[in-house]
PDB file of all heavy atoms in Angstrom:
ATOM      1  N   ASP A   1      12.210 -21.441   7.555  1.00  0.00           N
ATOM      2  CA  ASP A   1      11.827 -22.830   7.825  1.00  0.00           C
ATOM      3  C   ASP A   1      10.322 -23.061   7.747  1.00  0.00           C
ATOM      4  O   ASP A   1       9.845 -24.127   8.104  1.00  0.00           O
ATOM      5  CB  ASP A   1      12.328 -23.255   9.215  1.00  0.00           C
ATOM      6  CG  ASP A   1      13.840 -23.218   9.322  1.00  0.00           C
ATOM      7  OD1 ASP A   1      14.505 -23.418   8.287  1.00  0.00           O
ATOM      8  OD2 ASP A   1      14.350 -22.993  10.428  1.00  0.00           O
ATOM      9  N   GLY A   2       9.559 -22.058   7.336  1.00  0.00           N
ATOM     10  CA  GLY A   2       8.105 -22.170   7.268  1.00  0.00           C
ATOM     11  C   GLY A   2       7.452 -21.200   8.228  1.00  0.00           C
ATOM     12  O   GLY A   2       8.123 -20.387   8.865  1.00  0.00           O
ATOM     13  N   PRO A   3       6.125 -21.268   8.353  1.00  0.00           N
ATOM     14  CA  PRO A   3       5.420 -20.332   9.243  1.00  0.00           C
ATOM     15  C   PRO A   3       5.796 -20.560  10.705  1.00  0.00           C
ATOM     16  O   PRO A   3       5.958 -21.692  11.144  1.00  0.00           O
ATOM     17  CB  PRO A   3       3.941 -20.636   9.003  1.00  0.00           C
ATOM     18  CG  PRO A   3       3.875 -21.845   8.163  1.00  0.00           C
ATOM     19  CD  PRO A   3       5.235 -22.178   7.678  1.00  0.00           C
ATOM     20  N   ARG A   4       5.943 -19.461  11.446  1.00  0.00           N
ATOM     21  CA  ARG A   4       6.297 -19.519  12.866  1.00  0.00           C
ATOM     22  C   ARG A   4       5.268 -18.743  13.670  1.00  0.00           C
ATOM     23  O   ARG A   4       4.869 -17.649  13.301  1.00  0.00           O
ATOM     24  CB  ARG A   4       7.680 -18.910  13.104  1.00  0.00           C
ATOM     25  CG  ARG A   4       8.820 -19.527  12.302  1.00  0.00           C
ATOM     26  CD  ARG A   4       9.141 -20.959  12.712  1.00  0.00           C
ATOM     27  NE  ARG A   4       9.647 -21.078  14.048  1.00  0.00           N
ATOM     28  CZ  ARG A   4      10.923 -21.277  14.357  1.00  0.00           C
ATOM     29  NH1 ARG A   4      11.828 -21.346  13.411  1.00  0.00           N
ATOM     30  NH2 ARG A   4      11.283 -21.391  15.604  1.00  0.00           N
ATOM     31  N   GLN A   5       4.826 -19.318  14.773  1.00  0.00           N
ATOM     32  CA  GLN A   5       3.854 -18.674  15.651  1.00  0.00           C
ATOM     33  C   GLN A   5       4.606 -17.813  16.653  1.00  0.00           C
ATOM     34  O   GLN A   5       5.560 -18.254  17.288  1.00  0.00           O
ATOM     35  CB  GLN A   5       3.002 -19.726  16.378  1.00  0.00           C
ATOM     36  CG  GLN A   5       1.843 -19.170  17.164  1.00  0.00           C
ATOM     37  CD  GLN A   5       2.186 -18.755  18.583  1.00  0.00           C
ATOM     38  OE1 GLN A   5       3.162 -19.196  19.161  1.00  0.00           O
ATOM     39  NE2 GLN A   5       1.380 -17.882  19.137  1.00  0.00           N
ATOM     40  N   ILE A   6       4.167 -16.557  16.775  1.00  0.00           N
ATOM     41  CA  ILE A   6       4.769 -15.602  17.700  1.00  0.00           C
ATOM     42  C   ILE A   6       3.720 -15.262  18.753  1.00  0.00           C
ATOM     43  O   ILE A   6       2.590 -14.886  18.421  1.00  0.00           O
ATOM     44  CB  ILE A   6       5.200 -14.305  16.960  1.00  0.00           C
ATOM     45  CG1 ILE A   6       6.078 -14.627  15.743  1.00  0.00           C
ATOM     46  CG2 ILE A   6       5.877 -13.346  17.917  1.00  0.00           C
ATOM     47  CD1 ILE A   6       7.383 -15.301  16.045  1.00  0.00           C
ATOM     48  N   ASP A   7       4.074 -15.381  20.031  1.00  0.00           N
ATOM     49  CA  ASP A   7       3.119 -15.085  21.101  1.00  0.00           C
ATOM     50  C   ASP A   7       2.731 -13.614  21.089  1.00  0.00           C
ATOM     51  O   ASP A   7       1.555 -13.272  21.071  1.00  0.00           O
ATOM     52  CB  ASP A   7       3.692 -15.466  22.467  1.00  0.00           C
ATOM     53  CG  ASP A   7       3.902 -16.968  22.609  1.00  0.00           C
ATOM     54  OD1 ASP A   7       3.239 -17.741  21.889  1.00  0.00           O
ATOM     55  OD2 ASP A   7       4.730 -17.365  23.444  1.00  0.00           O
ATOM     56  N   VAL A   8       3.716 -12.740  21.146  1.00  0.00           N
ATOM     57  CA  VAL A   8       3.485 -11.295  21.106  1.00  0.00           C
ATOM     58  C   VAL A   8       4.511 -10.696  20.153  1.00  0.00           C
ATOM     59  O   VAL A   8       5.690 -11.032  20.214  1.00  0.00           O
ATOM     60  CB  VAL A   8       3.615 -10.656  22.512  1.00  0.00           C
ATOM     61  CG1 VAL A   8       3.421  -9.146  22.442  1.00  0.00           C
ATOM     62  CG2 VAL A   8       2.613 -11.271  23.480  1.00  0.00           C
ATOM     63  N   LEU A   9       4.036  -9.815  19.276  1.00  0.00           N
ATOM     64  CA  LEU A   9       4.909  -9.167  18.304  1.00  0.00           C
ATOM     65  C   LEU A   9       4.842  -7.657  18.507  1.00  0.00           C
ATOM     66  O   LEU A   9       3.759  -7.073  18.528  1.00  0.00           O
ATOM     67  CB  LEU A   9       4.468  -9.513  16.882  1.00  0.00           C
ATOM     68  CG  LEU A   9       5.275  -8.873  15.753  1.00  0.00           C
ATOM     69  CD1 LEU A   9       6.697  -9.419  15.739  1.00  0.00           C
ATOM     70  CD2 LEU A   9       4.599  -9.115  14.415  1.00  0.00           C
ATOM     71  N   LEU A  10       6.004  -7.053  18.687  1.00  0.00           N
ATOM     72  CA  LEU A  10       6.097  -5.604  18.806  1.00  0.00           C
ATOM     73  C   LEU A  10       6.678  -5.061  17.509  1.00  0.00           C
ATOM     74  O   LEU A  10       7.748  -5.508  17.080  1.00  0.00           O
ATOM     75  CB  LEU A  10       7.013  -5.198  19.958  1.00  0.00           C
ATOM     76  CG  LEU A  10       6.685  -5.724  21.350  1.00  0.00           C
ATOM     77  CD1 LEU A  10       7.788  -5.352  22.324  1.00  0.00           C
ATOM     78  CD2 LEU A  10       5.366  -5.195  21.824  1.00  0.00           C
ATOM     79  N   LYS A  11       5.957  -4.145  16.899  1.00  0.00           N
ATOM     80  CA  LYS A  11       6.465  -3.469  15.707  1.00  0.00           C
ATOM     81  C   LYS A  11       6.607  -2.003  16.062  1.00  0.00           C
ATOM     82  O   LYS A  11       5.664  -1.366  16.514  1.00  0.00           O
ATOM     83  CB  LYS A  11       5.490  -3.612  14.541  1.00  0.00           C
ATOM     84  CG  LYS A  11       5.368  -5.012  14.002  1.00  0.00           C
ATOM     85  CD  LYS A  11       4.401  -5.017  12.840  1.00  0.00           C
ATOM     86  CE  LYS A  11       4.168  -6.395  12.299  1.00  0.00           C
ATOM     87  NZ  LYS A  11       3.168  -6.391  11.223  1.00  0.00           N
ATOM     88  N   SER A  12       7.803  -1.466  15.860  1.00  0.00           N
ATOM     89  CA  SER A  12       8.033  -0.069  16.196  1.00  0.00           C
ATOM     90  C   SER A  12       8.913   0.565  15.131  1.00  0.00           C
ATOM     91  O   SER A  12       9.477  -0.111  14.277  1.00  0.00           O
ATOM     92  CB  SER A  12       8.669   0.062  17.581  1.00  0.00           C
ATOM     93  OG  SER A  12       9.830  -0.711  17.673  1.00  0.00           O
ATOM     94  N   THR A  13       8.989   1.876  15.218  1.00  0.00           N
ATOM     95  CA  THR A  13       9.844   2.638  14.317  1.00  0.00           C
ATOM     96  C   THR A  13      10.755   3.508  15.165  1.00  0.00           C
ATOM     97  O   THR A  13      10.285   4.249  16.031  1.00  0.00           O
ATOM     98  CB  THR A  13       8.996   3.517  13.371  1.00  0.00           C
ATOM     99  OG1 THR A  13       8.098   2.667  12.659  1.00  0.00           O
ATOM    100  CG2 THR A  13       9.865   4.258  12.387  1.00  0.00           C
ATOM    101  N   VAL A  14      12.049   3.374  14.918  1.00  0.00           N
ATOM    102  CA  VAL A  14      13.046   4.163  15.634  1.00  0.00           C
ATOM    103  C   VAL A  14      13.891   4.877  14.588  1.00  0.00           C
ATOM    104  O   VAL A  14      14.477   4.226  13.719  1.00  0.00           O
ATOM    105  CB  VAL A  14      13.921   3.282  16.543  1.00  0.00           C
ATOM    106  CG1 VAL A  14      15.012   4.102  17.205  1.00  0.00           C
ATOM    107  CG2 VAL A  14      13.071   2.563  17.569  1.00  0.00           C
ATOM    108  N   ALA A  15      13.908   6.195  14.640  1.00  0.00           N
ATOM    109  CA  ALA A  15      14.669   7.011  13.693  1.00  0.00           C
ATOM    110  C   ALA A  15      14.308   6.653  12.251  1.00  0.00           C
ATOM    111  O   ALA A  15      15.167   6.579  11.385  1.00  0.00           O
ATOM    112  CB  ALA A  15      16.166   6.862  13.929  1.00  0.00           C
ATOM    113  N   GLY A  16      13.017   6.377  12.046  1.00  0.00           N
ATOM    114  CA  GLY A  16      12.536   6.073  10.707  1.00  0.00           C
ATOM    115  C   GLY A  16      12.803   4.649  10.242  1.00  0.00           C
ATOM    116  O   GLY A  16      12.466   4.292   9.119  1.00  0.00           O
ATOM    117  N   MET A  17      13.391   3.823  11.100  1.00  0.00           N
ATOM    118  CA  MET A  17      13.688   2.440  10.735  1.00  0.00           C
ATOM    119  C   MET A  17      12.756   1.490  11.469  1.00  0.00           C
ATOM    120  O   MET A  17      12.542   1.632  12.675  1.00  0.00           O
ATOM    121  CB  MET A  17      15.141   2.100  11.094  1.00  0.00           C
ATOM    122  CG  MET A  17      16.158   2.912  10.309  1.00  0.00           C
ATOM    123  SD  MET A  17      17.846   2.526  10.782  1.00  0.00           S
ATOM    124  CE  MET A  17      17.920   3.285  12.396  1.00  0.00           C
ATOM    125  N   PRO A  18      12.200   0.499  10.747  1.00  0.00           N
ATOM    126  CA  PRO A  18      11.314  -0.470  11.414  1.00  0.00           C
ATOM    127  C   PRO A  18      12.100  -1.431  12.293  1.00  0.00           C
ATOM    128  O   PRO A  18      13.169  -1.908  11.914  1.00  0.00           O
ATOM    129  CB  PRO A  18      10.660  -1.208  10.247  1.00  0.00           C
ATOM    130  CG  PRO A  18      11.613  -1.063   9.110  1.00  0.00           C
ATOM    131  CD  PRO A  18      12.326   0.251   9.320  1.00  0.00           C
ATOM    132  N   ILE A  19      11.554  -1.686  13.479  1.00  0.00           N
ATOM    133  CA  ILE A  19      12.147  -2.617  14.430  1.00  0.00           C
ATOM    134  C   ILE A  19      11.085  -3.661  14.768  1.00  0.00           C
ATOM    135  O   ILE A  19       9.959  -3.318  15.121  1.00  0.00           O
ATOM    136  CB  ILE A  19      12.588  -1.910  15.733  1.00  0.00           C
ATOM    137  CG1 ILE A  19      13.556  -0.767  15.435  1.00  0.00           C
ATOM    138  CG2 ILE A  19      13.172  -2.911  16.724  1.00  0.00           C
ATOM    139  CD1 ILE A  19      14.897  -1.197  14.912  1.00  0.00           C
ATOM    140  N   CYS A  20      11.455  -4.924  14.670  1.00  0.00           N
ATOM    141  CA  CYS A  20      10.543  -6.030  14.959  1.00  0.00           C
ATOM    142  C   CYS A  20      11.084  -6.806  16.159  1.00  0.00           C
ATOM    143  O   CYS A  20      12.234  -7.242  16.150  1.00  0.00           O
ATOM    144  CB  CYS A  20      10.440  -6.931  13.728  1.00  0.00           C
ATOM    145  SG  CYS A  20       9.396  -8.366  13.963  1.00  0.00           S
ATOM    146  N   THR A  21      10.249  -6.960  17.186  1.00  0.00           N
ATOM    147  CA  THR A  21      10.641  -7.689  18.385  1.00  0.00           C
ATOM    148  C   THR A  21       9.666  -8.832  18.615  1.00  0.00           C
ATOM    149  O   THR A  21       8.458  -8.608  18.695  1.00  0.00           O
ATOM    150  CB  THR A  21      10.644  -6.760  19.625  1.00  0.00           C
ATOM    151  OG1 THR A  21      11.499  -5.649  19.367  1.00  0.00           O
ATOM    152  CG2 THR A  21      11.116  -7.497  20.864  1.00  0.00           C
ATOM    153  N   VAL A  22      10.167 -10.055  18.709  1.00  0.00           N
ATOM    154  CA  VAL A  22       9.323 -11.199  19.031  1.00  0.00           C
ATOM    155  C   VAL A  22       9.398 -11.467  20.523  1.00  0.00           C
ATOM    156  O   VAL A  22      10.465 -11.372  21.129  1.00  0.00           O
ATOM    157  CB  VAL A  22       9.715 -12.459  18.224  1.00  0.00           C
ATOM    158  CG1 VAL A  22       9.457 -12.257  16.755  1.00  0.00           C
ATOM    159  CG2 VAL A  22      11.150 -12.849  18.453  1.00  0.00           C
ATOM    160  N   VAL A  23       8.249 -11.756  21.121  1.00  0.00           N
ATOM    161  CA  VAL A  23       8.172 -12.035  22.549  1.00  0.00           C
ATOM    162  C   VAL A  23       7.562 -13.421  22.718  1.00  0.00           C
ATOM    163  O   VAL A  23       6.496 -13.700  22.164  1.00  0.00           O
ATOM    164  CB  VAL A  23       7.302 -10.984  23.283  1.00  0.00           C
ATOM    165  CG1 VAL A  23       7.230 -11.305  24.766  1.00  0.00           C
ATOM    166  CG2 VAL A  23       7.838  -9.582  23.046  1.00  0.00           C
ATOM    167  N   GLU A  24       8.247 -14.275  23.461  1.00  0.00           N
ATOM    168  CA  GLU A  24       7.739 -15.601  23.764  1.00  0.00           C
ATOM    169  C   GLU A  24       7.384 -15.654  25.236  1.00  0.00           C
ATOM    170  O   GLU A  24       8.192 -15.269  26.093  1.00  0.00           O
ATOM    171  CB  GLU A  24       8.790 -16.666  23.454  1.00  0.00           C
ATOM    172  CG  GLU A  24       9.013 -16.897  21.982  1.00  0.00           C
ATOM    173  CD  GLU A  24       7.814 -17.530  21.297  1.00  0.00           C
ATOM    174  OE1 GLU A  24       7.326 -18.583  21.756  1.00  0.00           O
ATOM    175  OE2 GLU A  24       7.354 -16.952  20.294  1.00  0.00           O
ATOM    176  N   ALA A  25       6.178 -16.101  25.543  1.00  0.00           N
ATOM    177  CA  ALA A  25       5.706 -16.224  26.920  1.00  0.00           C
ATOM    178  C   ALA A  25       5.657 -17.701  27.285  1.00  0.00           C
ATOM    179  O   ALA A  25       5.006 -18.485  26.598  1.00  0.00           O
ATOM    180  CB  ALA A  25       4.329 -15.591  27.051  1.00  0.00           C
ATOM    181  N   ARG A  26       6.344 -18.090  28.332  1.00  0.00           N
ATOM    182  CA  ARG A  26       6.394 -19.483  28.755  1.00  0.00           C
ATOM    183  C   ARG A  26       5.835 -19.599  30.168  1.00  0.00           C
ATOM    184  O   ARG A  26       6.434 -19.131  31.126  1.00  0.00           O
ATOM    185  CB  ARG A  26       7.833 -20.015  28.723  1.00  0.00           C
ATOM    186  CG  ARG A  26       8.389 -20.073  27.333  1.00  0.00           C
ATOM    187  CD  ARG A  26       7.745 -21.228  26.584  1.00  0.00           C
ATOM    188  NE  ARG A  26       8.106 -21.191  25.191  1.00  0.00           N
ATOM    189  CZ  ARG A  26       7.231 -20.988  24.207  1.00  0.00           C
ATOM    190  NH1 ARG A  26       5.972 -20.803  24.478  1.00  0.00           N
ATOM    191  NH2 ARG A  26       7.625 -20.983  22.964  1.00  0.00           N
ATOM    192  N   ASP A  27       4.678 -20.236  30.286  1.00  0.00           N
ATOM    193  CA  ASP A  27       4.020 -20.418  31.578  1.00  0.00           C
ATOM    194  C   ASP A  27       4.280 -21.838  32.075  1.00  0.00           C
ATOM    195  O   ASP A  27       3.402 -22.683  32.070  1.00  0.00           O
ATOM    196  CB  ASP A  27       2.519 -20.156  31.437  1.00  0.00           C
ATOM    197  CG  ASP A  27       1.801 -20.138  32.769  1.00  0.00           C
ATOM    198  OD1 ASP A  27       2.471 -20.057  33.815  1.00  0.00           O
ATOM    199  OD2 ASP A  27       0.561 -20.209  32.772  1.00  0.00           O
ATOM    200  N   TYR A  28       5.513 -22.099  32.475  1.00  0.00           N
ATOM    201  CA  TYR A  28       5.899 -23.414  32.971  1.00  0.00           C
ATOM    202  C   TYR A  28       6.073 -23.351  34.481  1.00  0.00           C
ATOM    203  O   TYR A  28       6.398 -22.310  35.037  1.00  0.00           O
ATOM    204  CB  TYR A  28       7.224 -23.864  32.353  1.00  0.00           C
ATOM    205  CG  TYR A  28       7.195 -24.058  30.853  1.00  0.00           C
ATOM    206  CD1 TYR A  28       8.366 -24.082  30.128  1.00  0.00           C
ATOM    207  CD2 TYR A  28       6.007 -24.228  30.159  1.00  0.00           C
ATOM    208  CE1 TYR A  28       8.365 -24.274  28.753  1.00  0.00           C
ATOM    209  CE2 TYR A  28       5.991 -24.414  28.792  1.00  0.00           C
ATOM    210  CZ  TYR A  28       7.171 -24.437  28.092  1.00  0.00           C
ATOM    211  OH  TYR A  28       7.164 -24.628  26.743  1.00  0.00           O
ATOM    212  N   ASN A  29       5.865 -24.482  35.129  1.00  0.00           N
ATOM    213  CA  ASN A  29       6.055 -24.524  36.580  1.00  0.00           C
ATOM    214  C   ASN A  29       7.456 -25.001  36.946  1.00  0.00           C
ATOM    215  O   ASN A  29       7.675 -25.557  38.006  1.00  0.00           O
ATOM    216  CB  ASN A  29       4.993 -25.405  37.235  1.00  0.00           C
ATOM    217  CG  ASN A  29       5.055 -26.840  36.754  1.00  0.00           C
ATOM    218  OD1 ASN A  29       5.868 -27.173  35.895  1.00  0.00           O
ATOM    219  ND2 ASN A  29       4.197 -27.689  37.296  1.00  0.00           N
ATOM    220  N   LYS A  30       8.386 -24.806  36.019  1.00  0.00           N
ATOM    221  CA  LYS A  30       9.781 -25.156  36.280  1.00  0.00           C
ATOM    222  C   LYS A  30      10.667 -24.108  35.604  1.00  0.00           C
ATOM    223  O   LYS A  30      10.188 -23.298  34.807  1.00  0.00           O
ATOM    224  CB  LYS A  30      10.116 -26.543  35.737  1.00  0.00           C
ATOM    225  CG  LYS A  30       9.911 -26.661  34.244  1.00  0.00           C
ATOM    226  CD  LYS A  30      10.215 -28.043  33.744  1.00  0.00           C
ATOM    227  CE  LYS A  30      10.012 -28.078  32.239  1.00  0.00           C
ATOM    228  NZ  LYS A  30      10.387 -29.299  31.631  1.00  0.00           N
ATOM    229  N   ARG A  31      11.935 -24.153  35.927  1.00  0.00           N
ATOM    230  CA  ARG A  31      12.872 -23.206  35.320  1.00  0.00           C
ATOM    231  C   ARG A  31      13.068 -23.518  33.843  1.00  0.00           C
ATOM    232  O   ARG A  31      13.065 -24.681  33.435  1.00  0.00           O
ATOM    233  CB  ARG A  31      14.224 -23.291  36.007  1.00  0.00           C
ATOM    234  CG  ARG A  31      14.216 -22.697  37.384  1.00  0.00           C
ATOM    235  CD  ARG A  31      15.595 -22.849  37.996  1.00  0.00           C
ATOM    236  NE  ARG A  31      15.627 -22.022  39.183  1.00  0.00           N
ATOM    237  CZ  ARG A  31      16.574 -21.144  39.433  1.00  0.00           C
ATOM    238  NH1 ARG A  31      17.579 -21.006  38.621  1.00  0.00           N
ATOM    239  NH2 ARG A  31      16.520 -20.431  40.513  1.00  0.00           N
ATOM    240  N   LEU A  32      13.232 -22.468  33.065  1.00  0.00           N
ATOM    241  CA  LEU A  32      13.568 -22.659  31.662  1.00  0.00           C
ATOM    242  C   LEU A  32      15.058 -22.980  31.563  1.00  0.00           C
ATOM    243  O   LEU A  32      15.848 -22.586  32.415  1.00  0.00           O
ATOM    244  CB  LEU A  32      13.254 -21.401  30.861  1.00  0.00           C
ATOM    245  CG  LEU A  32      11.798 -20.933  30.865  1.00  0.00           C
ATOM    246  CD1 LEU A  32      11.632 -19.724  29.965  1.00  0.00           C
ATOM    247  CD2 LEU A  32      10.854 -22.033  30.457  1.00  0.00           C
ATOM    248  N   ASP A  33      15.407 -23.678  30.506  1.00  0.00           N
ATOM    249  CA  ASP A  33      16.819 -23.980  30.317  1.00  0.00           C
ATOM    250  C   ASP A  33      17.305 -23.402  28.987  1.00  0.00           C
ATOM    251  O   ASP A  33      16.567 -22.730  28.282  1.00  0.00           O
ATOM    252  CB  ASP A  33      17.094 -25.484  30.426  1.00  0.00           C
ATOM    253  CG  ASP A  33      16.323 -26.296  29.404  1.00  0.00           C
ATOM    254  OD1 ASP A  33      16.117 -25.807  28.266  1.00  0.00           O
ATOM    255  OD2 ASP A  33      15.940 -27.439  29.719  1.00  0.00           O
ATOM    256  N   ILE A  34      18.528 -23.698  28.657  1.00  0.00           N
ATOM    257  CA  ILE A  34      19.168 -23.106  27.487  1.00  0.00           C
ATOM    258  C   ILE A  34      18.454 -23.494  26.188  1.00  0.00           C
ATOM    259  O   ILE A  34      18.503 -22.747  25.211  1.00  0.00           O
ATOM    260  CB  ILE A  34      20.672 -23.468  27.443  1.00  0.00           C
ATOM    261  CG1 ILE A  34      21.415 -22.616  26.421  1.00  0.00           C
ATOM    262  CG2 ILE A  34      20.876 -24.943  27.171  1.00  0.00           C
ATOM    263  CD1 ILE A  34      21.483 -21.167  26.764  1.00  0.00           C
ATOM    264  N   THR A  35      17.769 -24.629  26.175  1.00  0.00           N
ATOM    265  CA  THR A  35      17.066 -25.017  24.944  1.00  0.00           C
ATOM    266  C   THR A  35      15.948 -24.045  24.604  1.00  0.00           C
ATOM    267  O   THR A  35      15.666 -23.816  23.429  1.00  0.00           O
ATOM    268  CB  THR A  35      16.493 -26.449  25.048  1.00  0.00           C
ATOM    269  OG1 THR A  35      15.559 -26.508  26.128  1.00  0.00           O
ATOM    270  CG2 THR A  35      17.597 -27.472  25.242  1.00  0.00           C
ATOM    271  N   HIS A  36      15.329 -23.451  25.625  1.00  0.00           N
ATOM    272  CA  HIS A  36      14.284 -22.448  25.380  1.00  0.00           C
ATOM    273  C   HIS A  36      14.880 -21.177  24.775  1.00  0.00           C
ATOM    274  O   HIS A  36      14.320 -20.583  23.869  1.00  0.00           O
ATOM    275  CB  HIS A  36      13.543 -22.119  26.683  1.00  0.00           C
ATOM    276  CG  HIS A  36      12.798 -23.284  27.236  1.00  0.00           C
ATOM    277  ND1 HIS A  36      13.326 -24.084  28.203  1.00  0.00           N
ATOM    278  CD2 HIS A  36      11.581 -23.797  26.946  1.00  0.00           C
ATOM    279  CE1 HIS A  36      12.469 -25.038  28.503  1.00  0.00           C
ATOM    280  NE2 HIS A  36      11.399 -24.886  27.744  1.00  0.00           N
ATOM    281  N   VAL A  37      16.037 -20.786  25.291  1.00  0.00           N
ATOM    282  CA  VAL A  37      16.719 -19.602  24.770  1.00  0.00           C
ATOM    283  C   VAL A  37      17.192 -19.861  23.339  1.00  0.00           C
ATOM    284  O   VAL A  37      17.008 -19.024  22.448  1.00  0.00           O
ATOM    285  CB  VAL A  37      17.898 -19.198  25.679  1.00  0.00           C
ATOM    286  CG1 VAL A  37      18.658 -18.021  25.096  1.00  0.00           C
ATOM    287  CG2 VAL A  37      17.401 -18.872  27.085  1.00  0.00           C
TER     288      VAL A  37
END
């Protein structure tokens, strides 16, 4: 869908295979809901 901003990106290798994990940090003063997930 175009460029996406990632807060924190973890790149790792497990058993010789690349693994990419995106991490989103939400500093809200309320509970997150299903739309965030």
